């Protein structure tokens, strides 16, 4: 019974995110804010640097995790709903400032809920006397399903369409899922708080203490490359749907299914994650961390390259190939990197080291990448009015991103030296889940 309830919680948790993360770029393009898309995705990385750590400390010391989860979702729902209302009320002229502020508040309180929902699940499973290693993975997979279901809802009821009345409703959909989640979280078993127990502070939660690991040249190289690869993480989330949808402006592709259903097509990326993540234990055992990380890096090259080569008619297979390799690109890096950090660090610094890995990838790396991508796309795409010139600009942009990923992959191949004395195995499953990852996995002794 408790596993079913937790699975429903996981479904709702990621349905909130799936309602807008992939389709937001289309919404912003439709309301004339296409040149500001990168800011809406950049702020997600910025708030991820601080907010999860701060909210996590509050949940550890003062407010039970399930109640904190409810509070955060309530604030996120009200803010996202207000963003939708503002967009609908000012359909003829939506200004960047008010919409961005409301969106930022919502995202700032949503991002910590990913970790909080995990804490609630682990606590409930432990109270029920269930093995988290066996029980949590199926629960977490429902989160991926929730993300995909929300994506497809946005696509097939035409929330991502051209009409302003439809485009802003994806914000209302996200707000609705958050409101349900805010109420549902209060039905979860109570979590413990540690008022009389020493809990790590903000420096530990952010991984700042782990910066001492930079004294080890091998770990320093690893974290630098984590930052460089983190640059790629949010680029296709930001610009994938605007790019594919832009083909509707070209007569040759205007009536194609692909150009009209960009979000549905990109949902294949999340489906790929659920399958590719199962390959990680085998690949780590067979090839080692360096080769697995290289698989991820070269997968990013193909992810971007296939976008540049594809089109909604004869090039659909290339788009599909890009969605398939995304599972390797995202999960092989995030999950395997987390495992490597866990294996290479002392237990006294393990949590801080994971915080540092998150900071370098989903925080600093993703923020820098989205900002840079915004400048590239604005220069090559949105500086032109002619649709064909914009399509050409998109292709140049994707090739630029692919070239960057290729340089990073080759440099990693030449510079990084794997320490064969420490193997990535026998780790705690709780350490493997990466915030912001719509997949989720548990590994023990090389098995899922």
Protein backbone atom coordinates (compact mmCIF):
# COMPACT_ATOMS: atom_id res chain seq x y z
CA UNK A 1 0.00 0.00 0.00
CA UNK A 2 2.73 2.47 0.97
CA UNK A 3 4.63 1.72 -2.23
CA UNK A 4 1.56 2.54 -4.30
CA UNK A 5 1.09 5.82 -2.43
CA UNK A 6 4.74 6.75 -2.91
CA UNK A 7 4.56 5.85 -6.61
CA UNK A 8 1.63 8.26 -6.96
CA UNK A 9 3.69 10.93 -5.19
CA UNK A 10 6.58 10.37 -7.59
CA UNK A 11 4.22 10.58 -10.57
CA UNK A 12 2.85 13.94 -9.41
CA UNK A 13 6.29 15.29 -8.50
CA UNK A 14 7.64 14.98 -12.03
CA UNK A 15 4.38 15.70 -13.83
CA UNK A 16 4.77 19.23 -12.44
CA UNK A 17 8.10 19.56 -14.25
CA UNK A 18 7.10 17.73 -17.40
CA UNK A 19 4.22 20.19 -17.92
CA UNK A 20 6.59 22.97 -18.99
CA UNK A 21 10.28 21.99 -19.01
CA UNK A 22 10.33 20.79 -22.62
CA UNK A 23 7.52 22.93 -24.08
CA UNK A 24 8.33 26.27 -22.41
CA UNK A 25 10.54 27.36 -25.31
CA UNK A 26 7.59 27.14 -27.68
CA UNK A 27 5.42 29.12 -25.29
CA UNK A 28 7.99 31.90 -25.03
CA UNK A 29 8.45 31.98 -28.81
CA UNK A 30 4.70 32.31 -29.32
CA UNK A 31 4.47 35.34 -27.03
CA UNK A 32 7.43 37.15 -28.58
CA UNK A 33 10.05 36.33 -25.94
CA UNK A 34 12.12 33.94 -28.08
CA UNK A 35 15.29 35.97 -27.45
CA UNK A 36 14.82 35.52 -23.69
CA UNK A 37 14.33 31.74 -23.65
CA UNK A 38 17.78 31.15 -22.22
CA UNK A 39 17.05 33.28 -19.15
CA UNK A 40 14.13 31.07 -18.13
CA UNK A 41 16.34 27.99 -18.26
CA UNK A 42 19.40 29.70 -16.82
CA UNK A 43 17.53 30.71 -13.69
CA UNK A 44 16.72 27.06 -13.06
CA UNK A 45 20.44 26.37 -12.72
CA UNK A 46 20.97 29.46 -10.56
CA UNK A 47 18.28 28.57 -8.03
CA UNK A 48 19.53 24.97 -7.99
CA UNK A 49 22.82 26.19 -6.55
CA UNK A 50 21.27 27.45 -3.30
CA UNK A 51 17.61 26.60 -2.79
CA UNK A 52 17.76 22.77 -2.45
CA UNK A 53 20.50 23.10 0.16
CA UNK A 54 18.67 25.78 2.17
CA UNK A 55 15.30 24.01 2.08
CA UNK A 56 16.99 20.71 2.91
CA UNK A 57 18.52 22.17 6.06
CA UNK A 58 15.14 23.58 7.12
CA UNK A 59 13.54 20.16 6.60
CA UNK A 60 16.30 18.47 8.60
CA UNK A 61 16.16 20.84 11.57
CA UNK A 62 12.75 22.45 11.91
CA UNK A 63 9.93 21.39 9.55
CA UNK A 64 9.13 17.77 8.75
CA UNK A 65 10.05 16.87 5.18
CA UNK A 66 6.51 15.98 4.08
CA UNK A 67 5.22 19.34 5.38
CA UNK A 68 8.10 21.22 3.77
CA UNK A 69 7.33 19.38 0.54
CA UNK A 70 3.72 20.57 0.77
CA UNK A 71 4.71 24.18 1.51
CA UNK A 72 7.16 24.33 -1.41
CA UNK A 73 4.63 22.91 -3.85
CA UNK A 74 1.96 25.31 -2.65
CA UNK A 75 4.22 28.32 -3.28
CA UNK A 76 5.35 26.88 -6.62
CA UNK A 77 1.71 26.31 -7.65
CA UNK A 78 0.55 29.80 -6.72
CA UNK A 79 3.49 31.42 -8.50
CA UNK A 80 3.17 29.31 -11.66
CA UNK A 81 -0.59 29.85 -11.69
CA UNK A 82 -0.02 33.59 -11.36
CA UNK A 83 2.42 33.42 -14.28
CA UNK A 84 -0.26 31.72 -16.38
CA UNK A 85 -2.90 34.24 -15.33
CA UNK A 86 -0.60 37.16 -16.15
CA UNK A 87 0.16 35.68 -19.59
CA UNK A 88 -3.52 35.14 -20.34
CA UNK A 89 -4.57 38.59 -19.11
CA UNK A 90 -1.84 40.31 -21.14
CA UNK A 91 -1.99 38.07 -24.21
CA UNK A 92 -1.40 40.92 -26.61
CA UNK A 93 1.74 42.13 -24.83
CA UNK A 94 3.43 39.88 -22.27
CA UNK A 95 6.40 41.65 -20.68
CA UNK A 96 9.55 39.79 -19.72
CA UNK A 97 9.90 41.20 -16.17
CA UNK A 98 6.62 40.16 -14.46
CA UNK A 99 6.52 36.75 -16.15
CA UNK A 100 10.17 36.02 -15.33
CA UNK A 101 9.79 36.98 -11.66
CA UNK A 102 6.70 34.79 -11.17
CA UNK A 103 8.32 31.89 -13.02
CA UNK A 104 11.55 32.24 -11.01
CA UNK A 105 9.71 32.09 -7.68
CA UNK A 106 7.91 28.95 -8.79
CA UNK A 107 11.06 27.20 -10.01
CA UNK A 108 12.98 28.27 -6.89
CA UNK A 109 10.51 26.41 -4.69
CA UNK A 110 9.99 23.49 -7.05
CA UNK A 111 13.63 22.44 -7.43
CA UNK A 112 14.09 21.57 -3.71
CA UNK A 113 11.03 19.30 -3.83
CA UNK A 114 12.89 16.70 -5.90
CA UNK A 115 15.21 15.96 -3.00
CA UNK A 116 12.43 16.35 -0.43
CA UNK A 117 10.24 13.79 -2.19
CA UNK A 118 13.13 11.33 -2.08
CA UNK A 119 13.56 11.95 1.65
CA UNK A 120 9.85 11.37 2.26
CA UNK A 121 9.97 8.14 0.26
CA UNK A 122 13.03 6.76 2.05
CA UNK A 123 11.57 7.64 5.44
CA UNK A 124 8.22 5.99 4.65
CA UNK A 125 9.86 2.84 3.31
CA UNK A 126 12.09 2.52 6.36
CA UNK A 127 9.13 2.97 8.70
CA UNK A 128 7.27 0.25 6.83
CA UNK A 129 10.26 -2.06 7.22
CA UNK A 130 10.79 -2.28 3.46
CA UNK A 131 14.11 -2.61 1.65
CA UNK A 132 14.76 0.70 -0.09
CA UNK A 133 17.13 -0.98 -2.57
CA UNK A 134 14.32 -3.16 -3.91
CA UNK A 135 11.36 -0.87 -3.29
CA UNK A 136 12.52 2.56 -4.42
CA UNK A 137 13.42 2.00 -8.12
CA UNK A 138 9.87 1.08 -9.25
CA UNK A 139 8.56 4.04 -7.26
CA UNK A 140 11.03 6.41 -8.94
CA UNK A 141 10.25 5.09 -12.41
CA UNK A 142 6.69 6.38 -11.94
CA UNK A 143 8.26 9.85 -11.78
CA UNK A 144 9.63 9.40 -15.29
CA UNK A 145 6.21 8.21 -16.43
CA UNK A 146 4.59 11.27 -14.84
CA UNK A 147 7.04 13.54 -16.67
CA UNK A 148 6.26 11.85 -20.01
CA UNK A 149 2.48 11.87 -19.44
CA UNK A 150 2.55 15.62 -18.73
CA UNK A 151 4.67 16.22 -21.85
CA UNK A 152 2.19 14.33 -23.99
CA UNK A 153 -0.78 16.11 -22.42
CA UNK A 154 0.80 19.43 -23.35
CA UNK A 155 1.41 18.20 -26.87
CA UNK A 156 -1.78 16.43 -27.77
CA UNK A 157 -4.30 18.85 -26.30
CA UNK A 158 -2.40 21.52 -28.21
CA UNK A 159 -1.29 23.49 -25.19
CA UNK A 160 1.98 24.08 -27.04
CA UNK A 161 0.14 25.35 -30.13
CA UNK A 162 0.29 28.77 -31.70
CA UNK A 163 -2.81 30.15 -29.95
CA UNK A 164 -1.98 32.29 -26.93
CA UNK A 165 -5.04 30.94 -25.13
CA UNK A 166 -3.53 27.47 -25.39
CA UNK A 167 0.17 28.14 -24.81
CA UNK A 168 -0.18 29.65 -21.34
CA UNK A 169 -2.31 26.72 -20.15
CA UNK A 170 0.81 24.59 -19.74
CA UNK A 171 1.61 26.86 -16.79
CA UNK A 172 -1.85 26.21 -15.35
CA UNK A 173 -1.35 22.47 -15.84
CA UNK A 174 1.91 22.59 -13.88
CA UNK A 175 0.23 24.65 -11.16
CA UNK A 176 -2.63 22.14 -10.94
CA UNK A 177 -0.24 19.21 -10.48
CA UNK A 178 1.62 21.20 -7.80
CA UNK A 179 -1.60 21.97 -5.91
CA UNK A 180 -2.57 18.30 -5.90
CA UNK A 181 0.93 17.43 -4.75
CA UNK A 182 0.80 20.03 -1.97
CA UNK A 183 -2.31 18.37 -0.56
CA UNK A 184 -1.14 14.83 -1.19
CA UNK A 185 2.21 15.35 0.55
CA UNK A 186 0.40 15.99 3.82
CA UNK A 187 -1.00 12.44 3.72
CA UNK A 188 2.48 10.93 3.74
CA UNK A 189 3.91 9.34 6.94
CA UNK A 190 5.61 11.86 9.21
CA UNK A 191 9.35 12.31 8.80
CA UNK A 192 11.75 12.88 11.66
CA UNK A 193 13.47 16.19 12.33
CA UNK A 194 16.76 16.63 14.16
CA UNK A 195 16.30 19.59 16.51
CA UNK A 196 18.78 18.20 19.01
CA UNK A 197 21.12 16.68 16.50
CA UNK A 198 23.91 18.37 14.65
CA UNK A 199 23.01 18.69 10.97
CA UNK A 200 25.48 19.77 8.29
CA UNK A 201 25.27 23.44 7.40
CA UNK A 202 24.97 25.23 4.09
CA UNK A 203 28.65 24.83 3.24
CA UNK A 204 28.37 21.05 3.52
CA UNK A 205 25.05 20.92 1.68
CA UNK A 206 26.50 22.90 -1.23
CA UNK A 207 29.59 20.73 -1.32
CA UNK A 208 31.89 23.66 -0.51
CA UNK A 209 33.89 21.61 1.99
CA UNK A 210 34.61 19.15 -0.78
CA UNK A 211 36.60 21.78 -2.69
CA UNK A 212 39.58 20.37 -0.81
CA UNK A 213 39.31 17.47 -3.29
CA UNK A 214 40.80 19.81 -5.89
CA UNK A 215 44.14 19.18 -4.19
CA UNK A 216 44.02 15.77 -5.84
CA UNK A 217 44.90 16.46 -9.48
CA UNK A 218 42.82 13.53 -10.76
CA UNK A 219 39.70 14.67 -8.90
CA UNK A 220 40.32 18.28 -9.92
CA UNK A 221 40.40 17.20 -13.57
CA UNK A 222 37.23 15.18 -13.07
CA UNK A 223 35.30 18.09 -11.54
CA UNK A 224 36.51 20.51 -14.22
CA UNK A 225 35.23 18.15 -16.90
CA UNK A 226 32.00 17.72 -14.92
CA UNK A 227 31.51 21.46 -15.29
CA UNK A 228 32.35 21.38 -19.01
CA UNK A 229 29.97 18.51 -19.69
CA UNK A 230 27.32 20.12 -17.50
CA UNK A 231 27.30 22.94 -20.06
CA UNK A 232 25.37 20.63 -22.42
CA UNK A 233 22.68 19.47 -19.98
CA UNK A 234 19.89 22.00 -20.60
CA UNK A 235 20.55 23.14 -24.18
CA UNK A 236 18.12 20.79 -25.91
CA UNK A 237 15.55 21.25 -23.14
CA UNK A 238 15.72 24.98 -23.82
CA UNK A 239 15.78 25.03 -27.60
CA UNK A 240 14.68 21.60 -28.82
CA UNK A 241 10.98 22.36 -29.26
CA UNK A 242 11.44 25.90 -30.67
CA UNK A 243 13.87 24.47 -33.25
CA UNK A 244 11.62 21.61 -34.40
CA UNK A 245 8.51 23.82 -34.35
CA UNK A 246 10.29 26.47 -36.45
CA UNK A 247 9.95 24.18 -39.48
CA UNK A 248 6.23 25.05 -39.51
CA UNK A 249 7.21 28.42 -40.97
CA UNK A 250 8.63 26.71 -44.07
CA UNK A 251 6.04 25.67 -46.65
CA UNK A 252 7.80 22.37 -47.35
CA UNK A 253 7.48 21.25 -43.73
CA UNK A 254 4.43 23.21 -42.53
CA UNK A 255 2.06 20.23 -42.50
CA UNK A 256 4.45 17.59 -41.20
CA UNK A 257 3.49 15.69 -38.04
CA UNK A 258 6.93 16.26 -36.51
CA UNK A 259 6.88 20.07 -36.77
CA UNK A 260 3.41 20.13 -35.20
CA UNK A 261 4.25 17.70 -32.37
CA UNK A 262 7.72 18.72 -31.21
CA UNK A 263 7.05 17.96 -27.54
CA UNK A 264 5.77 14.46 -28.32
CA UNK A 265 8.89 13.77 -30.37
CA UNK A 266 11.21 14.98 -27.63
CA UNK A 267 9.39 12.82 -25.07
CA UNK A 268 11.25 9.92 -26.72
CA UNK A 269 14.34 11.29 -24.95
CA UNK A 270 12.84 10.55 -21.53
CA UNK A 271 11.67 7.15 -22.72
CA UNK A 272 15.23 6.43 -23.82
CA UNK A 273 16.48 7.33 -20.35
CA UNK A 274 14.36 4.66 -18.70
CA UNK A 275 15.98 2.05 -20.93
CA UNK A 276 19.57 3.32 -21.11
CA UNK A 277 19.85 3.67 -17.36
CA UNK A 278 19.55 -0.10 -17.05
CA UNK A 279 22.75 -0.47 -19.09
CA UNK A 280 24.90 1.48 -16.63
CA UNK A 281 25.79 -1.36 -14.20
CA UNK A 282 26.83 -3.63 -17.07
CA UNK A 283 28.82 -0.89 -18.80
CA UNK A 284 30.61 0.17 -15.62
CA UNK A 285 31.63 -3.40 -14.91
CA UNK A 286 32.62 -4.08 -18.52
CA UNK A 287 34.34 -0.83 -19.52
CA UNK A 288 35.14 1.22 -16.39
CA UNK A 289 34.25 4.80 -15.51
CA UNK A 290 36.43 6.55 -18.11
CA UNK A 291 34.95 4.71 -21.09
CA UNK A 292 31.42 5.11 -19.73
CA UNK A 293 31.96 8.84 -19.33
CA UNK A 294 33.38 8.99 -22.85
CA UNK A 295 30.26 7.24 -24.13
CA UNK A 296 28.24 10.04 -22.57
CA UNK A 297 30.45 12.77 -24.01
CA UNK A 298 30.38 11.39 -27.55
CA UNK A 299 26.64 10.79 -27.19
CA UNK A 300 26.26 14.56 -26.67
CA UNK A 301 28.14 15.10 -29.93
CA UNK A 302 25.62 12.88 -31.72
CA UNK A 303 22.69 14.41 -29.82
CA UNK A 304 23.50 17.89 -31.15
CA UNK A 305 24.80 16.71 -34.53
CA UNK A 306 21.65 14.75 -35.33
CA UNK A 307 19.57 17.82 -34.50
CA UNK A 308 21.59 19.83 -37.00
CA UNK A 309 21.29 17.18 -39.73
CA UNK A 310 17.61 16.32 -39.24
CA UNK A 311 14.40 17.75 -40.68
CA UNK A 312 10.68 16.86 -40.38
CA UNK A 313 10.52 14.95 -43.67
CA UNK A 314 13.50 12.90 -44.92
CA UNK A 315 15.49 13.57 -41.74
CA UNK A 316 13.00 12.31 -39.15
CA UNK A 317 15.16 9.24 -38.46
CA UNK A 318 18.00 11.56 -37.44
CA UNK A 319 15.71 13.33 -34.97
CA UNK A 320 14.68 9.97 -33.52
CA UNK A 321 18.34 8.92 -33.29
CA UNK A 322 19.05 12.12 -31.35
CA UNK A 323 16.30 11.21 -28.87
CA UNK A 324 17.69 7.70 -28.44
CA UNK A 325 21.28 8.76 -27.73
CA UNK A 326 20.03 11.30 -25.17
CA UNK A 327 19.53 8.49 -22.66
CA UNK A 328 23.23 7.66 -22.87
CA UNK A 329 24.29 11.30 -22.95
CA UNK A 330 22.36 12.29 -19.83
CA UNK A 331 22.33 9.21 -17.60
CA UNK A 332 25.77 7.79 -18.33
CA UNK A 333 27.23 11.11 -17.21
CA UNK A 334 25.00 12.05 -14.26
CA UNK A 335 24.64 8.63 -12.66
CA UNK A 336 28.08 7.22 -13.43
CA UNK A 337 29.73 10.46 -12.37
CA UNK A 338 27.93 10.32 -9.06
CA UNK A 339 29.07 6.73 -8.56
CA UNK A 340 32.66 7.70 -9.33
CA UNK A 341 32.60 10.56 -6.83
CA UNK A 342 31.17 8.24 -4.19
CA UNK A 343 33.87 5.61 -4.78
CA UNK A 344 36.75 8.07 -4.79
CA UNK A 345 35.92 10.08 -1.66
CA UNK A 346 36.17 9.33 2.02
CA UNK A 347 32.89 8.61 3.83
CA UNK A 348 33.35 11.72 6.00
CA UNK A 349 33.17 13.89 2.87
CA UNK A 350 30.83 11.84 0.72
CA UNK A 351 27.78 14.10 1.02
CA UNK A 352 29.84 17.22 0.41
CA UNK A 353 31.47 15.63 -2.61
CA UNK A 354 28.06 14.79 -4.08
CA UNK A 355 27.01 18.38 -3.44
CA UNK A 356 30.09 19.60 -5.29
CA UNK A 357 29.35 17.29 -8.23
CA UNK A 358 25.80 18.71 -8.39
CA UNK A 359 27.13 22.26 -8.10
CA UNK A 360 29.61 21.78 -10.96
CA UNK A 361 27.11 20.05 -13.29
CA UNK A 362 23.47 21.03 -12.75
CA UNK A 363 24.39 24.32 -11.09
CA UNK A 364 27.39 26.13 -12.57
CA UNK A 365 27.76 24.02 -15.70
CA UNK A 366 24.12 24.08 -16.77
CA UNK A 367 23.86 27.79 -15.99
CA UNK A 368 26.92 28.67 -18.05
CA UNK A 369 25.76 26.40 -20.88
CA UNK A 370 22.29 27.88 -21.13
CA UNK A 371 23.64 31.41 -21.09
CA UNK A 372 26.16 30.60 -23.82
CA UNK A 373 23.53 28.77 -25.88
CA UNK A 374 21.27 31.81 -25.64
CA UNK A 375 23.92 34.06 -27.15
CA UNK A 376 24.66 31.54 -29.92
CA UNK A 377 21.00 31.03 -30.87
CA UNK A 378 20.17 34.73 -30.68
CA UNK A 379 23.11 35.49 -32.97
CA UNK A 380 22.58 32.78 -35.58
CA UNK A 381 18.79 32.32 -35.42
CA UNK A 382 16.77 35.16 -33.96
CA UNK A 383 18.83 37.88 -35.61
CA UNK A 384 17.11 36.85 -38.87
CA UNK A 385 13.49 37.31 -39.93
CA UNK A 386 13.47 34.97 -42.91
CA UNK A 387 12.38 31.41 -41.87
CA UNK A 388 14.93 29.67 -44.11
CA UNK A 389 17.73 31.83 -42.73
CA UNK A 390 16.55 30.90 -39.22
CA UNK A 391 16.63 27.19 -40.09
CA UNK A 392 20.18 27.63 -41.37
CA UNK A 393 21.03 29.46 -38.15
CA UNK A 394 19.61 26.59 -36.09
CA UNK A 395 21.81 24.11 -37.93
CA UNK A 396 24.91 26.25 -37.37
CA UNK A 397 24.01 26.52 -33.66
CA UNK A 398 23.64 22.74 -33.26
CA UNK A 399 26.96 22.18 -35.02
CA UNK A 400 28.59 24.68 -32.65
CA UNK A 401 27.24 22.77 -29.65
CA UNK A 402 28.35 19.46 -31.17
CA UNK A 403 31.82 20.87 -31.80
CA UNK A 404 32.10 21.99 -28.19
CA UNK A 405 31.04 18.55 -26.94
CA UNK A 406 33.57 16.90 -29.28
CA UNK A 407 36.44 19.05 -27.99
CA UNK A 408 35.47 18.23 -24.39
CA UNK A 409 35.30 14.50 -25.18
CA UNK A 410 38.71 14.43 -26.88
CA UNK A 411 40.31 16.47 -24.09
CA UNK A 412 38.84 14.14 -21.46
CA UNK A 413 40.10 11.12 -23.38
CA UNK A 414 43.63 12.54 -23.46
CA UNK A 415 43.83 14.10 -19.99
CA UNK A 416 41.79 12.03 -17.53
CA UNK A 417 43.50 8.99 -16.00
CA UNK A 418 41.28 6.40 -14.32
CA UNK A 419 42.33 5.07 -10.91
CA UNK A 420 41.94 1.33 -11.24
CA UNK A 421 42.57 0.78 -7.55
CA UNK A 422 39.09 1.99 -6.61
CA UNK A 423 36.12 0.38 -8.30
CA UNK A 424 32.67 1.86 -8.68
CA UNK A 425 30.63 -0.70 -6.74
CA UNK A 426 29.19 -1.54 -3.33
CA UNK A 427 27.85 1.95 -2.86
CA UNK A 428 24.75 3.25 -1.17
CA UNK A 429 21.82 3.50 -3.60
CA UNK A 430 20.65 6.75 -2.08
CA UNK A 431 23.71 8.49 -3.47
CA UNK A 432 23.03 7.62 -7.09
CA UNK A 433 19.93 9.61 -7.83
CA UNK A 434 20.75 12.93 -9.43
CA UNK A 435 18.45 15.92 -8.89
CA UNK A 436 16.80 17.05 -12.06
CA UNK A 437 17.17 13.66 -13.72
CA UNK A 438 13.84 12.29 -14.96
CA UNK A 439 15.27 8.75 -14.81
CA UNK A 440 16.48 7.28 -11.53
CA UNK A 441 18.42 4.16 -10.58
CA UNK A 442 19.83 2.04 -7.84
CA UNK A 443 22.97 -0.03 -8.18
CA UNK A 444 24.49 -2.51 -5.80
CA UNK A 445 27.27 -4.95 -6.66
CA UNK A 446 26.88 -4.11 -10.33
CA UNK A 447 23.17 -4.90 -10.50
CA UNK A 448 20.06 -2.76 -10.72
